[in-house]
Structures are given as C-alpha cells and as structure tokens.
C-alpha cells in the first residue's frame, strides 16, 4: 500500500480532490487548481505543465519517487 500526500503531511484539507482519488493518481498528476498545496507557491496560479517543476521540490514527491522506500 502506498502512502498518499495528505497522509505524509498530515493534511486535513479534505476539499482537495486527492482525498477522493484513492490509489488512482498522485497529487502531481492533478490539475493545480484542484489541489490546495499549490496555493503555497504564491504568485499567479500555476498551469499544469508548470506544476511538475514545483512538485519535484516537494518532500512527498521526493519520498514517493525514491526507489528505496
């Protein structure tokens, strides 16, 4: 069983679409307007094609993509 981003961070923002995604997708695969974490990036809303650049700096992204987990 894989851990999800909200479990990793102890996030309680259940309006985030990832709570309903189950095991189907990861947070970095979801439109940034549907995930509250992208508001922490500040500035203008980011576009989907830009999101992965931010996500690659996320501790959860690093954890989930670490092959030794």
PDB file of N, CA and C in Angstrom:
ATOM      1  N   UNK A   1       0.850  -1.194   0.000  1.00  0.00           N
ATOM      2  CA  UNK A   1       0.000   0.000   0.000  1.00  0.00           C
ATOM      3  C   UNK A   1       0.885   1.243   0.000  1.00  0.00           C
ATOM      4  N   UNK A   2       0.591   2.168  -0.878  1.00  0.00           N
ATOM      5  CA  UNK A   2       1.398   3.383  -0.951  1.00  0.00           C
ATOM      6  C   UNK A   2       0.751   4.493  -0.130  1.00  0.00           C
ATOM      7  N   UNK A   3       1.586   5.313   0.436  1.00  0.00           N
ATOM      8  CA  UNK A   3       1.131   6.453   1.233  1.00  0.00           C
ATOM      9  C   UNK A   3       0.734   7.593   0.288  1.00  0.00           C
ATOM     10  N   UNK A   4      -0.254   8.358   0.663  1.00  0.00           N
ATOM     11  CA  UNK A   4      -0.705   9.498  -0.136  1.00  0.00           C
ATOM     12  C   UNK A   4      -0.144  10.782   0.467  1.00  0.00           C
ATOM     13  N   UNK A   5      -0.174  11.863  -0.296  1.00  0.00           N
ATOM     14  CA  UNK A   5       0.410  13.131   0.148  1.00  0.00           C
ATOM     15  C   UNK A   5      -0.234  13.631   1.437  1.00  0.00           C
ATOM     16  N   UNK A   6      -1.559  13.515   1.576  1.00  0.00           N
ATOM     17  CA  UNK A   6      -2.219  14.013   2.776  1.00  0.00           C
ATOM     18  C   UNK A   6      -1.822  13.204   4.009  1.00  0.00           C
ATOM     19  N   UNK A   7      -1.505  11.922   3.831  1.00  0.00           N
ATOM     20  CA  UNK A   7      -1.027  11.104   4.948  1.00  0.00           C
ATOM     21  C   UNK A   7       0.401  11.503   5.313  1.00  0.00           C
ATOM     22  N   UNK A   8       1.214  11.716   4.318  1.00  0.00           N
ATOM     23  CA  UNK A   8       2.614  12.081   4.505  1.00  0.00           C
ATOM     24  C   UNK A   8       2.739  13.377   5.299  1.00  0.00           C
ATOM     25  N   UNK A   9       1.907  14.380   4.943  1.00  0.00           N
ATOM     26  CA  UNK A   9       1.971  15.691   5.586  1.00  0.00           C
ATOM     27  C   UNK A   9       0.989  15.854   6.746  1.00  0.00           C
ATOM     28  N   UNK A  10       0.100  14.873   6.958  1.00  0.00           N
ATOM     29  CA  UNK A  10      -0.924  15.013   7.988  1.00  0.00           C
ATOM     30  C   UNK A  10      -1.931  16.097   7.627  1.00  0.00           C
ATOM     31  N   UNK A  11      -2.188  16.250   6.341  1.00  0.00           N
ATOM     32  CA  UNK A  11      -3.067  17.304   5.834  1.00  0.00           C
ATOM     33  C   UNK A  11      -4.529  16.975   6.124  1.00  0.00           C
ATOM     34  N   UNK A  12      -5.284  17.975   6.518  1.00  0.00           N
ATOM     35  CA  UNK A  12      -6.702  17.807   6.821  1.00  0.00           C
ATOM     36  C   UNK A  12      -7.600  18.546   5.821  1.00  0.00           C
ATOM     37  N   UNK A  13      -7.055  19.033   4.713  1.00  0.00           N
ATOM     38  CA  UNK A  13      -7.814  19.802   3.726  1.00  0.00           C
ATOM     39  C   UNK A  13      -8.595  18.844   2.827  1.00  0.00           C
ATOM     40  N   UNK A  14      -9.701  18.332   3.357  1.00  0.00           N
ATOM     41  CA  UNK A  14     -10.442  17.301   2.650  1.00  0.00           C
ATOM     42  C   UNK A  14     -11.184  17.804   1.415  1.00  0.00           C
ATOM     43  N   UNK A  15     -11.178  19.103   1.175  1.00  0.00           N
ATOM     44  CA  UNK A  15     -11.751  19.618  -0.077  1.00  0.00           C
ATOM     45  C   UNK A  15     -10.824  19.341  -1.256  1.00  0.00           C
ATOM     46  N   UNK A  16      -9.614  18.965  -0.968  1.00  0.00           N
ATOM     47  CA  UNK A  16      -8.649  18.619  -2.012  1.00  0.00           C
ATOM     48  C   UNK A  16      -9.110  17.344  -2.706  1.00  0.00           C
ATOM     49  N   UNK A  17      -9.066  17.341  -4.008  1.00  0.00           N
ATOM     50  CA  UNK A  17      -9.539  16.216  -4.804  1.00  0.00           C
ATOM     51  C   UNK A  17      -8.750  14.931  -4.532  1.00  0.00           C
ATOM     52  N   UNK A  18      -7.538  15.038  -4.046  1.00  0.00           N
ATOM     53  CA  UNK A  18      -6.717  13.844  -3.826  1.00  0.00           C
ATOM     54  C   UNK A  18      -7.330  12.925  -2.767  1.00  0.00           C
ATOM     55  N   UNK A  19      -8.137  13.470  -1.838  1.00  0.00           N
ATOM     56  CA  UNK A  19      -8.802  12.646  -0.835  1.00  0.00           C
ATOM     57  C   UNK A  19      -9.757  11.650  -1.487  1.00  0.00           C
ATOM     58  N   UNK A  20     -10.296  12.002  -2.638  1.00  0.00           N
ATOM     59  CA  UNK A  20     -11.255  11.144  -3.327  1.00  0.00           C
ATOM     60  C   UNK A  20     -10.596  10.271  -4.399  1.00  0.00           C
ATOM     61  N   UNK A  21      -9.335  10.491  -4.667  1.00  0.00           N
ATOM     62  CA  UNK A  21      -8.643   9.797  -5.753  1.00  0.00           C
ATOM     63  C   UNK A  21      -8.286   8.356  -5.430  1.00  0.00           C
ATOM     64  N   UNK A  22      -8.152   8.022  -4.181  1.00  0.00           N
ATOM     65  CA  UNK A  22      -7.724   6.669  -3.829  1.00  0.00           C
ATOM     66  C   UNK A  22      -6.328   6.408  -4.355  1.00  0.00           C
ATOM     67  N   UNK A  23      -6.121   5.271  -4.951  1.00  0.00           N
ATOM     68  CA  UNK A  23      -4.797   4.894  -5.458  1.00  0.00           C
ATOM     69  C   UNK A  23      -4.614   5.244  -6.931  1.00  0.00           C
ATOM     70  N   UNK A  24      -5.596   5.884  -7.528  1.00  0.00           N
ATOM     71  CA  UNK A  24      -5.575   6.089  -8.973  1.00  0.00           C
ATOM     72  C   UNK A  24      -4.507   7.048  -9.480  1.00  0.00           C
ATOM     73  N   UNK A  25      -4.374   8.214  -8.844  1.00  0.00           N
ATOM     74  CA  UNK A  25      -3.402   9.208  -9.312  1.00  0.00           C
ATOM     75  C   UNK A  25      -2.635   9.790  -8.137  1.00  0.00           C
ATOM     76  N   UNK A  26      -1.498  10.352  -8.455  1.00  0.00           N
ATOM     77  CA  UNK A  26      -0.705  11.079  -7.467  1.00  0.00           C
ATOM     78  C   UNK A  26      -1.030  12.562  -7.544  1.00  0.00           C
ATOM     79  N   UNK A  27      -0.723  13.295  -6.507  1.00  0.00           N
ATOM     80  CA  UNK A  27      -1.069  14.714  -6.447  1.00  0.00           C
ATOM     81  C   UNK A  27      -0.427  15.517  -7.579  1.00  0.00           C
ATOM     82  N   UNK A  28       0.765  15.131  -8.020  1.00  0.00           N
ATOM     83  CA  UNK A  28       1.421  15.891  -9.096  1.00  0.00           C
ATOM     84  C   UNK A  28       0.791  15.630 -10.456  1.00  0.00           C
ATOM     85  N   UNK A  29      -0.148  14.693 -10.535  1.00  0.00           N
ATOM     86  CA  UNK A  29      -0.842  14.400 -11.784  1.00  0.00           C
ATOM     87  C   UNK A  29      -2.205  15.087 -11.864  1.00  0.00           C
ATOM     88  N   UNK A  30      -2.541  15.876 -10.864  1.00  0.00           N
ATOM     89  CA  UNK A  30      -3.857  16.505 -10.774  1.00  0.00           C
ATOM     90  C   UNK A  30      -3.741  17.997 -11.040  1.00  0.00           C
ATOM     91  N   UNK A  31      -4.730  18.533 -11.745  1.00  0.00           N
ATOM     92  CA  UNK A  31      -4.765  19.960 -12.076  1.00  0.00           C
ATOM     93  C   UNK A  31      -4.473  20.807 -10.825  1.00  0.00           C
ATOM     94  N   UNK A  32      -3.561  21.758 -10.928  1.00  0.00           N
ATOM     95  CA  UNK A  32      -3.166  22.553  -9.761  1.00  0.00           C
ATOM     96  C   UNK A  32      -4.291  23.358  -9.125  1.00  0.00           C
ATOM     97  N   UNK A  33      -5.349  23.640  -9.869  1.00  0.00           N
ATOM     98  CA  UNK A  33      -6.459  24.391  -9.272  1.00  0.00           C
ATOM     99  C   UNK A  33      -7.269  23.514  -8.315  1.00  0.00           C
ATOM    100  N   UNK A  34      -7.078  22.205  -8.376  1.00  0.00           N
ATOM    101  CA  UNK A  34      -7.831  21.279  -7.532  1.00  0.00           C
ATOM    102  C   UNK A  34      -7.075  20.818  -6.294  1.00  0.00           C
ATOM    103  N   UNK A  35      -5.823  21.229  -6.166  1.00  0.00           N
ATOM    104  CA  UNK A  35      -5.024  20.832  -5.011  1.00  0.00           C
ATOM    105  C   UNK A  35      -4.594  22.075  -4.226  1.00  0.00           C
ATOM    106  N   UNK A  36      -5.014  22.204  -2.968  1.00  0.00           N
ATOM    107  CA  UNK A  36      -4.712  23.397  -2.183  1.00  0.00           C
ATOM    108  C   UNK A  36      -3.218  23.649  -1.971  1.00  0.00           C
ATOM    109  N   UNK A  37      -2.397  22.621  -2.065  1.00  0.00           N
ATOM    110  CA  UNK A  37      -0.963  22.808  -1.818  1.00  0.00           C
ATOM    111  C   UNK A  37      -0.342  23.797  -2.796  1.00  0.00           C
ATOM    112  N   UNK A  38      -0.907  23.948  -3.985  1.00  0.00           N
ATOM    113  CA  UNK A  38      -0.320  24.857  -4.961  1.00  0.00           C
ATOM    114  C   UNK A  38      -0.470  26.316  -4.551  1.00  0.00           C
ATOM    115  N   UNK A  39      -1.374  26.611  -3.629  1.00  0.00           N
ATOM    116  CA  UNK A  39      -1.512  27.988  -3.132  1.00  0.00           C
ATOM    117  C   UNK A  39      -0.280  28.401  -2.336  1.00  0.00           C
ATOM    118  N   UNK A  40       0.480  27.439  -1.824  1.00  0.00           N
ATOM    119  CA  UNK A  40       1.689  27.759  -1.066  1.00  0.00           C
ATOM    120  C   UNK A  40       2.811  28.251  -1.973  1.00  0.00           C
ATOM    121  N   UNK A  41       2.652  28.080  -3.295  1.00  0.00           N
ATOM    122  CA  UNK A  41       3.677  28.536  -4.226  1.00  0.00           C
ATOM    123  C   UNK A  41       3.669  30.052  -4.373  1.00  0.00           C
ATOM    124  N   UNK A  42       2.536  30.679  -4.024  1.00  0.00           N
ATOM    125  CA  UNK A  42       2.419  32.134  -4.117  1.00  0.00           C
ATOM    126  C   UNK A  42       2.329  32.614  -5.558  1.00  0.00           C
ATOM    127  N   UNK A  43       2.069  33.888  -5.702  1.00  0.00           N
ATOM    128  CA  UNK A  43       2.005  34.478  -7.035  1.00  0.00           C
ATOM    129  C   UNK A  43       0.787  34.040  -7.815  1.00  0.00           C
ATOM    130  N   UNK A  44       0.897  34.127  -9.137  1.00  0.00           N
ATOM    131  CA  UNK A  44      -0.195  33.759 -10.027  1.00  0.00           C
ATOM    132  C   UNK A  44      -0.430  32.252  -9.982  1.00  0.00           C
ATOM    133  N   UNK A  45      -1.661  31.836 -10.270  1.00  0.00           N
ATOM    134  CA  UNK A  45      -1.928  30.392 -10.334  1.00  0.00           C
ATOM    135  C   UNK A  45      -1.018  29.728 -11.372  1.00  0.00           C
ATOM    136  N   UNK A  46      -0.541  28.542 -11.039  1.00  0.00           N
ATOM    137  CA  UNK A  46       0.343  27.849 -11.978  1.00  0.00           C
ATOM    138  C   UNK A  46      -0.477  26.983 -12.931  1.00  0.00           C
ATOM    139  N   UNK A  47       0.122  26.683 -14.062  1.00  0.00           N
ATOM    140  CA  UNK A  47      -0.510  25.838 -15.069  1.00  0.00           C
ATOM    141  C   UNK A  47      -0.030  24.400 -14.875  1.00  0.00           C
ATOM    142  N   UNK A  48      -0.810  23.474 -15.377  1.00  0.00           N
ATOM    143  CA  UNK A  48      -0.488  22.057 -15.217  1.00  0.00           C
ATOM    144  C   UNK A  48       0.919  21.732 -15.707  1.00  0.00           C
ATOM    145  N   UNK A  49       1.279  22.260 -16.855  1.00  0.00           N
ATOM    146  CA  UNK A  49       2.605  21.946 -17.406  1.00  0.00           C
ATOM    147  C   UNK A  49       3.747  22.518 -16.563  1.00  0.00           C
ATOM    148  N   UNK A  50       3.454  23.495 -15.705  1.00  0.00           N
ATOM    149  CA  UNK A  50       4.462  24.072 -14.816  1.00  0.00           C
ATOM    150  C   UNK A  50       4.495  23.369 -13.461  1.00  0.00           C
ATOM    151  N   UNK A  51       3.416  22.694 -13.112  1.00  0.00           N
ATOM    152  CA  UNK A  51       3.270  22.138 -11.774  1.00  0.00           C
ATOM    153  C   UNK A  51       4.390  21.172 -11.409  1.00  0.00           C
ATOM    154  N   UNK A  52       4.804  20.318 -12.313  1.00  0.00           N
ATOM    155  CA  UNK A  52       5.806  19.309 -12.003  1.00  0.00           C
ATOM    156  C   UNK A  52       7.126  19.936 -11.553  1.00  0.00           C
ATOM    157  N   UNK A  53       7.428  21.132 -12.036  1.00  0.00           N
ATOM    158  CA  UNK A  53       8.662  21.799 -11.604  1.00  0.00           C
ATOM    159  C   UNK A  53       8.598  22.137 -10.119  1.00  0.00           C
ATOM    160  N   UNK A  54       7.411  22.523  -9.642  1.00  0.00           N
ATOM    161  CA  UNK A  54       7.218  22.790  -8.225  1.00  0.00           C
ATOM    162  C   UNK A  54       7.191  21.487  -7.435  1.00  0.00           C
ATOM    163  N   UNK A  55       6.502  20.502  -7.966  1.00  0.00           N
ATOM    164  CA  UNK A  55       6.342  19.232  -7.262  1.00  0.00           C
ATOM    165  C   UNK A  55       7.676  18.515  -7.068  1.00  0.00           C
ATOM    166  N   UNK A  56       8.583  18.657  -7.998  1.00  0.00           N
ATOM    167  CA  UNK A  56       9.881  17.994  -7.877  1.00  0.00           C
ATOM    168  C   UNK A  56      10.672  18.521  -6.686  1.00  0.00           C
ATOM    169  N   UNK A  57      10.274  19.671  -6.138  1.00  0.00           N
ATOM    170  CA  UNK A  57      10.909  20.221  -4.943  1.00  0.00           C
ATOM    171  C   UNK A  57      10.134  19.884  -3.669  1.00  0.00           C
ATOM    172  N   UNK A  58       9.078  19.097  -3.808  1.00  0.00           N
ATOM    173  CA  UNK A  58       8.223  18.722  -2.688  1.00  0.00           C
ATOM    174  C   UNK A  58       8.807  17.492  -1.981  1.00  0.00           C
ATOM    175  N   UNK A  59       8.795  17.501  -0.656  1.00  0.00           N
ATOM    176  CA  UNK A  59       9.309  16.363   0.113  1.00  0.00           C
ATOM    177  C   UNK A  59       8.537  15.077  -0.176  1.00  0.00           C
ATOM    178  N   UNK A  60       7.224  15.185  -0.383  1.00  0.00           N
ATOM    179  CA  UNK A  60       6.451  13.990  -0.687  1.00  0.00           C
ATOM    180  C   UNK A  60       6.809  13.432  -2.059  1.00  0.00           C
ATOM    181  N   UNK A  61       6.982  14.290  -3.041  1.00  0.00           N
ATOM    182  CA  UNK A  61       7.374  13.841  -4.377  1.00  0.00           C
ATOM    183  C   UNK A  61       8.703  13.084  -4.298  1.00  0.00           C
ATOM    184  N   UNK A  62       9.648  13.653  -3.568  1.00  0.00           N
ATOM    185  CA  UNK A  62      10.950  13.001  -3.404  1.00  0.00           C
ATOM    186  C   UNK A  62      10.792  11.646  -2.722  1.00  0.00           C
ATOM    187  N   UNK A  63       9.970  11.598  -1.663  1.00  0.00           N
ATOM    188  CA  UNK A  63       9.737  10.354  -0.942  1.00  0.00           C
ATOM    189  C   UNK A  63       9.078   9.305  -1.851  1.00  0.00           C
ATOM    190  N   UNK A  64       8.026   9.700  -2.557  1.00  0.00           N
ATOM    191  CA  UNK A  64       7.262   8.774  -3.397  1.00  0.00           C
ATOM    192  C   UNK A  64       8.087   8.245  -4.575  1.00  0.00           C
ATOM    193  N   UNK A  65       9.039   9.004  -5.021  1.00  0.00           N
ATOM    194  CA  UNK A  65       9.847   8.611  -6.179  1.00  0.00           C
ATOM    195  C   UNK A  65      11.199   8.030  -5.796  1.00  0.00           C
ATOM    196  N   UNK A  66      11.425   7.867  -4.504  1.00  0.00           N
ATOM    197  CA  UNK A  66      12.654   7.242  -4.025  1.00  0.00           C
ATOM    198  C   UNK A  66      12.499   5.736  -4.160  1.00  0.00           C
ATOM    199  N   UNK A  67      13.309   5.114  -4.943  1.00  0.00           N
ATOM    200  CA  UNK A  67      13.191   3.682  -5.234  1.00  0.00           C
ATOM    201  C   UNK A  67      13.532   2.803  -4.036  1.00  0.00           C
ATOM    202  N   UNK A  68      14.088   3.353  -2.977  1.00  0.00           N
ATOM    203  CA  UNK A  68      14.459   2.546  -1.818  1.00  0.00           C
ATOM    204  C   UNK A  68      13.373   2.468  -0.768  1.00  0.00           C
ATOM    205  N   UNK A  69      12.212   3.137  -0.979  1.00  0.00           N
ATOM    206  CA  UNK A  69      11.109   3.092   0.008  1.00  0.00           C
ATOM    207  C   UNK A  69      10.500   1.725   0.070  1.00  0.00           C
TER     208      UNK A  69
END
